[in-house]
Amino acid sequence: MAVPKRKMSRSNTRHRRSQWKAVAPSLVTCANPACNGKHLPHRACPTCGQYGSRADRRQVL
């Protein structure tokens, strides 16, 4: 396991940690006009089960 040779200064530590940010996920609108639900991009819609212009084979109730 790698061990640092010298103590990292408080300034360098804080500069490094400043890049760790929480980002809200980007949502897209469902392609199904009857649904218009929001879901993550490149994922099937959890409401209607449609992926892009393709409909899901299973029926979600």
PDB file of N, CA and C in Angstrom:
ATOM      1  N   MET A   1       0.834  -1.171   0.000  1.00  0.00           N
ATOM      2  CA  MET A   1       0.000   0.000   0.000  1.00  0.00           C
ATOM      3  C   MET A   1       0.883   1.240   0.000  1.00  0.00           C
ATOM      4  N   ALA A   2       0.528   2.218  -0.814  1.00  0.00           N
ATOM      5  CA  ALA A   2       1.320   3.440  -0.915  1.00  0.00           C
ATOM      6  C   ALA A   2       1.117   4.321   0.310  1.00  0.00           C
ATOM      7  N   VAL A   3       2.217   4.871   0.787  1.00  0.00           N
ATOM      8  CA  VAL A   3       2.178   5.755   1.951  1.00  0.00           C
ATOM      9  C   VAL A   3       2.791   7.083   1.541  1.00  0.00           C
ATOM     10  N   PRO A   4       2.125   8.218   1.831  1.00  0.00           N
ATOM     11  CA  PRO A   4       2.695   9.510   1.451  1.00  0.00           C
ATOM     12  C   PRO A   4       4.000   9.794   2.192  1.00  0.00           C
ATOM     13  N   LYS A   5       4.944  10.385   1.496  1.00  0.00           N
ATOM     14  CA  LYS A   5       6.250  10.663   2.089  1.00  0.00           C
ATOM     15  C   LYS A   5       6.201  11.893   2.995  1.00  0.00           C
ATOM     16  N   ARG A   6       5.376  12.875   2.622  1.00  0.00           N
ATOM     17  CA  ARG A   6       5.277  14.104   3.402  1.00  0.00           C
ATOM     18  C   ARG A   6       3.815  14.454   3.667  1.00  0.00           C
ATOM     19  N   LYS A   7       3.597  15.238   4.706  1.00  0.00           N
ATOM     20  CA  LYS A   7       2.247  15.681   5.056  1.00  0.00           C
ATOM     21  C   LYS A   7       1.738  16.641   3.981  1.00  0.00           C
ATOM     22  N   MET A   8       0.500  16.435   3.547  1.00  0.00           N
ATOM     23  CA  MET A   8      -0.096  17.337   2.573  1.00  0.00           C
ATOM     24  C   MET A   8      -0.628  18.568   3.306  1.00  0.00           C
ATOM     25  N   SER A   9      -0.315  19.743   2.799  1.00  0.00           N
ATOM     26  CA  SER A   9      -0.711  20.979   3.469  1.00  0.00           C
ATOM     27  C   SER A   9      -2.236  21.118   3.472  1.00  0.00           C
ATOM     28  N   ARG A  10      -2.723  21.918   4.389  1.00  0.00           N
ATOM     29  CA  ARG A  10      -4.170  22.145   4.507  1.00  0.00           C
ATOM     30  C   ARG A  10      -4.713  22.780   3.238  1.00  0.00           C
ATOM     31  N   SER A  11      -3.940  23.677   2.645  1.00  0.00           N
ATOM     32  CA  SER A  11      -4.367  24.349   1.412  1.00  0.00           C
ATOM     33  C   SER A  11      -4.519  23.347   0.266  1.00  0.00           C
ATOM     34  N   ASN A  12      -3.504  22.465   0.099  1.00  0.00           N
ATOM     35  CA  ASN A  12      -3.578  21.470  -0.978  1.00  0.00           C
ATOM     36  C   ASN A  12      -4.721  20.498  -0.740  1.00  0.00           C
ATOM     37  N   THR A  13      -4.936  20.117   0.497  1.00  0.00           N
ATOM     38  CA  THR A  13      -6.030  19.196   0.808  1.00  0.00           C
ATOM     39  C   THR A  13      -7.368  19.818   0.446  1.00  0.00           C
ATOM     40  N   ARG A  14      -7.556  21.078   0.812  1.00  0.00           N
ATOM     41  CA  ARG A  14      -8.836  21.743   0.544  1.00  0.00           C
ATOM     42  C   ARG A  14      -9.036  22.008  -0.944  1.00  0.00           C
ATOM     43  N   HIS A  15      -7.952  22.298  -1.664  1.00  0.00           N
ATOM     44  CA  HIS A  15      -8.069  22.490  -3.113  1.00  0.00           C
ATOM     45  C   HIS A  15      -8.496  21.179  -3.781  1.00  0.00           C
ATOM     46  N   ARG A  16      -7.942  20.076  -3.332  1.00  0.00           N
ATOM     47  CA  ARG A  16      -8.299  18.779  -3.895  1.00  0.00           C
ATOM     48  C   ARG A  16      -9.746  18.439  -3.582  1.00  0.00           C
ATOM     49  N   ARG A  17     -10.167  18.665  -2.345  1.00  0.00           N
ATOM     50  CA  ARG A  17     -11.530  18.315  -1.933  1.00  0.00           C
ATOM     51  C   ARG A  17     -12.582  19.229  -2.535  1.00  0.00           C
ATOM     52  N   SER A  18     -12.195  20.408  -3.001  1.00  0.00           N
ATOM     53  CA  SER A  18     -13.175  21.346  -3.560  1.00  0.00           C
ATOM     54  C   SER A  18     -13.787  20.811  -4.854  1.00  0.00           C
ATOM     55  N   GLN A  19     -13.128  19.833  -5.484  1.00  0.00           N
ATOM     56  CA  GLN A  19     -13.645  19.267  -6.724  1.00  0.00           C
ATOM     57  C   GLN A  19     -14.714  18.204  -6.476  1.00  0.00           C
ATOM     58  N   TRP A  20     -14.868  17.745  -5.236  1.00  0.00           N
ATOM     59  CA  TRP A  20     -15.870  16.735  -4.899  1.00  0.00           C
ATOM     60  C   TRP A  20     -17.193  17.434  -4.678  1.00  0.00           C
ATOM     61  N   LYS A  21     -18.051  17.411  -5.678  1.00  0.00           N
ATOM     62  CA  LYS A  21     -19.335  18.099  -5.581  1.00  0.00           C
ATOM     63  C   LYS A  21     -20.459  17.118  -5.853  1.00  0.00           C
ATOM     64  N   ALA A  22     -21.537  17.301  -5.159  1.00  0.00           N
ATOM     65  CA  ALA A  22     -22.736  16.514  -5.434  1.00  0.00           C
ATOM     66  C   ALA A  22     -23.476  17.177  -6.589  1.00  0.00           C
ATOM     67  N   VAL A  23     -23.847  16.393  -7.590  1.00  0.00           N
ATOM     68  CA  VAL A  23     -24.527  16.925  -8.769  1.00  0.00           C
ATOM     69  C   VAL A  23     -25.885  16.249  -8.902  1.00  0.00           C
ATOM     70  N   ALA A  24     -26.906  17.046  -9.128  1.00  0.00           N
ATOM     71  CA  ALA A  24     -28.245  16.499  -9.337  1.00  0.00           C
ATOM     72  C   ALA A  24     -28.281  15.759 -10.671  1.00  0.00           C
ATOM     73  N   PRO A  25     -28.930  14.587 -10.740  1.00  0.00           N
ATOM     74  CA  PRO A  25     -28.975  13.849 -11.997  1.00  0.00           C
ATOM     75  C   PRO A  25     -29.816  14.579 -13.036  1.00  0.00           C
ATOM     76  N   SER A  26     -29.374  14.518 -14.288  1.00  0.00           N
ATOM     77  CA  SER A  26     -30.131  15.144 -15.368  1.00  0.00           C
ATOM     78  C   SER A  26     -31.253  14.202 -15.783  1.00  0.00           C
ATOM     79  N   LEU A  27     -32.450  14.727 -15.877  1.00  0.00           N
ATOM     80  CA  LEU A  27     -33.617  13.933 -16.249  1.00  0.00           C
ATOM     81  C   LEU A  27     -34.098  14.341 -17.628  1.00  0.00           C
ATOM     82  N   VAL A  28     -34.654  13.387 -18.361  1.00  0.00           N
ATOM     83  CA  VAL A  28     -35.232  13.657 -19.676  1.00  0.00           C
ATOM     84  C   VAL A  28     -36.711  13.275 -19.645  1.00  0.00           C
ATOM     85  N   THR A  29     -37.464  13.855 -20.563  1.00  0.00           N
ATOM     86  CA  THR A  29     -38.895  13.559 -20.659  1.00  0.00           C
ATOM     87  C   THR A  29     -39.096  12.296 -21.482  1.00  0.00           C
ATOM     88  N   CYS A  30     -40.045  11.485 -21.081  1.00  0.00           N
ATOM     89  CA  CYS A  30     -40.344  10.228 -21.776  1.00  0.00           C
ATOM     90  C   CYS A  30     -40.829  10.519 -23.195  1.00  0.00           C
ATOM     91  N   ALA A  31     -40.440   9.662 -24.142  1.00  0.00           N
ATOM     92  CA  ALA A  31     -40.826   9.833 -25.541  1.00  0.00           C
ATOM     93  C   ALA A  31     -42.285   9.464 -25.779  1.00  0.00           C
ATOM     94  N   ASN A  32     -42.878   8.725 -24.847  1.00  0.00           N
ATOM     95  CA  ASN A  32     -44.276   8.343 -24.964  1.00  0.00           C
ATOM     96  C   ASN A  32     -45.151   9.563 -24.686  1.00  0.00           C
ATOM     97  N   PRO A  33     -45.954  10.022 -25.663  1.00  0.00           N
ATOM     98  CA  PRO A  33     -46.763  11.220 -25.435  1.00  0.00           C
ATOM     99  C   PRO A  33     -47.842  11.029 -24.371  1.00  0.00           C
ATOM    100  N   ALA A  34     -48.263   9.799 -24.153  1.00  0.00           N
ATOM    101  CA  ALA A  34     -49.282   9.544 -23.137  1.00  0.00           C
ATOM    102  C   ALA A  34     -48.688   9.572 -21.728  1.00  0.00           C
ATOM    103  N   CYS A  35     -47.382   9.347 -21.605  1.00  0.00           N
ATOM    104  CA  CYS A  35     -46.735   9.261 -20.295  1.00  0.00           C
ATOM    105  C   CYS A  35     -46.173  10.613 -19.848  1.00  0.00           C
ATOM    106  N   ASN A  36     -45.255  11.177 -20.656  1.00  0.00           N
ATOM    107  CA  ASN A  36     -44.566  12.438 -20.332  1.00  0.00           C
ATOM    108  C   ASN A  36     -43.906  12.415 -18.959  1.00  0.00           C
ATOM    109  N   GLY A  37     -43.459  11.238 -18.496  1.00  0.00           N
ATOM    110  CA  GLY A  37     -42.768  11.126 -17.215  1.00  0.00           C
ATOM    111  C   GLY A  37     -41.296  11.490 -17.352  1.00  0.00           C
ATOM    112  N   LYS A  38     -40.639  11.739 -16.239  1.00  0.00           N
ATOM    113  CA  LYS A  38     -39.207  12.051 -16.220  1.00  0.00           C
ATOM    114  C   LYS A  38     -38.426  10.801 -15.828  1.00  0.00           C
ATOM    115  N   HIS A  39     -37.283  10.569 -16.504  1.00  0.00           N
ATOM    116  CA  HIS A  39     -36.425   9.429 -16.172  1.00  0.00           C
ATOM    117  C   HIS A  39     -34.996   9.762 -16.548  1.00  0.00           C
ATOM    118  N   LEU A  40     -34.045   8.934 -16.092  1.00  0.00           N
ATOM    119  CA  LEU A  40     -32.639   9.133 -16.420  1.00  0.00           C
ATOM    120  C   LEU A  40     -32.407   8.846 -17.900  1.00  0.00           C
ATOM    121  N   PRO A  41     -31.467   9.564 -18.546  1.00  0.00           N
ATOM    122  CA  PRO A  41     -31.206   9.291 -19.956  1.00  0.00           C
ATOM    123  C   PRO A  41     -30.622   7.898 -20.158  1.00  0.00           C
ATOM    124  N   HIS A  42     -30.938   7.286 -21.281  1.00  0.00           N
ATOM    125  CA  HIS A  42     -30.479   5.947 -21.671  1.00  0.00           C
ATOM    126  C   HIS A  42     -30.994   4.874 -20.717  1.00  0.00           C
ATOM    127  N   ARG A  43     -32.149   5.082 -20.133  1.00  0.00           N
ATOM    128  CA  ARG A  43     -32.808   4.104 -19.263  1.00  0.00           C
ATOM    129  C   ARG A  43     -34.270   4.020 -19.675  1.00  0.00           C
ATOM    130  N   ALA A  44     -34.894   2.882 -19.397  1.00  0.00           N
ATOM    131  CA  ALA A  44     -36.324   2.735 -19.667  1.00  0.00           C
ATOM    132  C   ALA A  44     -37.108   3.570 -18.664  1.00  0.00           C
ATOM    133  N   CYS A  45     -38.236   4.073 -19.088  1.00  0.00           N
ATOM    134  CA  CYS A  45     -39.088   4.896 -18.221  1.00  0.00           C
ATOM    135  C   CYS A  45     -39.687   4.005 -17.134  1.00  0.00           C
ATOM    136  N   PRO A  46     -39.552   4.370 -15.852  1.00  0.00           N
ATOM    137  CA  PRO A  46     -40.121   3.533 -14.793  1.00  0.00           C
ATOM    138  C   PRO A  46     -41.640   3.562 -14.758  1.00  0.00           C
ATOM    139  N   THR A  47     -42.253   4.584 -15.347  1.00  0.00           N
ATOM    140  CA  THR A  47     -43.708   4.709 -15.331  1.00  0.00           C
ATOM    141  C   THR A  47     -44.369   3.817 -16.376  1.00  0.00           C
ATOM    142  N   CYS A  48     -43.932   3.960 -17.641  1.00  0.00           N
ATOM    143  CA  CYS A  48     -44.586   3.210 -18.717  1.00  0.00           C
ATOM    144  C   CYS A  48     -43.720   2.078 -19.271  1.00  0.00           C
ATOM    145  N   GLY A  49     -42.427   2.061 -18.976  1.00  0.00           N
ATOM    146  CA  GLY A  49     -41.552   0.989 -19.442  1.00  0.00           C
ATOM    147  C   GLY A  49     -41.039   1.162 -20.852  1.00  0.00           C
ATOM    148  N   GLN A  50     -41.220   2.326 -21.444  1.00  0.00           N
ATOM    149  CA  GLN A  50     -40.767   2.558 -22.811  1.00  0.00           C
ATOM    150  C   GLN A  50     -39.335   3.039 -22.809  1.00  0.00           C
ATOM    151  N   TYR A  51     -38.532   2.562 -23.779  1.00  0.00           N
ATOM    152  CA  TYR A  51     -37.151   3.003 -23.943  1.00  0.00           C
ATOM    153  C   TYR A  51     -37.051   3.713 -25.272  1.00  0.00           C
ATOM    154  N   GLY A  52     -36.908   5.021 -25.268  1.00  0.00           N
ATOM    155  CA  GLY A  52     -36.831   5.805 -26.501  1.00  0.00           C
ATOM    156  C   GLY A  52     -38.120   5.661 -27.278  1.00  0.00           C
ATOM    157  N   SER A  53     -38.002   5.308 -28.542  1.00  0.00           N
ATOM    158  CA  SER A  53     -39.202   5.125 -29.360  1.00  0.00           C
ATOM    159  C   SER A  53     -39.709   3.687 -29.310  1.00  0.00           C
ATOM    160  N   ARG A  54     -38.926   2.786 -28.642  1.00  0.00           N
ATOM    161  CA  ARG A  54     -39.323   1.376 -28.551  1.00  0.00           C
ATOM    162  C   ARG A  54     -40.196   1.149 -27.326  1.00  0.00           C
ATOM    163  N   ALA A  55     -41.266   0.400 -27.464  1.00  0.00           N
ATOM    164  CA  ALA A  55     -42.129   0.063 -26.339  1.00  0.00           C
ATOM    165  C   ALA A  55     -41.588  -1.193 -25.644  1.00  0.00           C
ATOM    166  N   ASP A  56     -41.799  -1.289 -24.350  1.00  0.00           N
ATOM    167  CA  ASP A  56     -41.357  -2.435 -23.572  1.00  0.00           C
ATOM    168  C   ASP A  56     -42.346  -3.592 -23.785  1.00  0.00           C
ATOM    169  N   ARG A  57     -41.840  -4.833 -23.761  1.00  0.00           N
ATOM    170  CA  ARG A  57     -42.706  -5.990 -23.977  1.00  0.00           C
ATOM    171  C   ARG A  57     -43.592  -6.280 -22.781  1.00  0.00           C
ATOM    172  N   ARG A  58     -43.086  -6.001 -21.576  1.00  0.00           N
ATOM    173  CA  ARG A  58     -43.889  -6.302 -20.387  1.00  0.00           C
ATOM    174  C   ARG A  58     -44.853  -5.157 -20.110  1.00  0.00           C
ATOM    175  N   GLN A  59     -45.929  -5.475 -19.454  1.00  0.00           N
ATOM    176  CA  GLN A  59     -46.947  -4.482 -19.107  1.00  0.00           C
ATOM    177  C   GLN A  59     -46.734  -4.042 -17.661  1.00  0.00           C
ATOM    178  N   VAL A  60     -46.516  -2.758 -17.450  1.00  0.00           N
ATOM    179  CA  VAL A  60     -46.316  -2.214 -16.112  1.00  0.00           C
ATOM    180  C   VAL A  60     -47.604  -1.579 -15.646  1.00  0.00           C
ATOM    181  N   LEU A  61     -48.050  -1.976 -14.474  1.00  0.00           N
ATOM    182  CA  LEU A  61     -49.295  -1.402 -13.940  1.00  0.00           C
ATOM    183  C   LEU A  61     -49.018  -0.477 -12.809  1.00  0.00           C
TER     184      LEU A  61
END
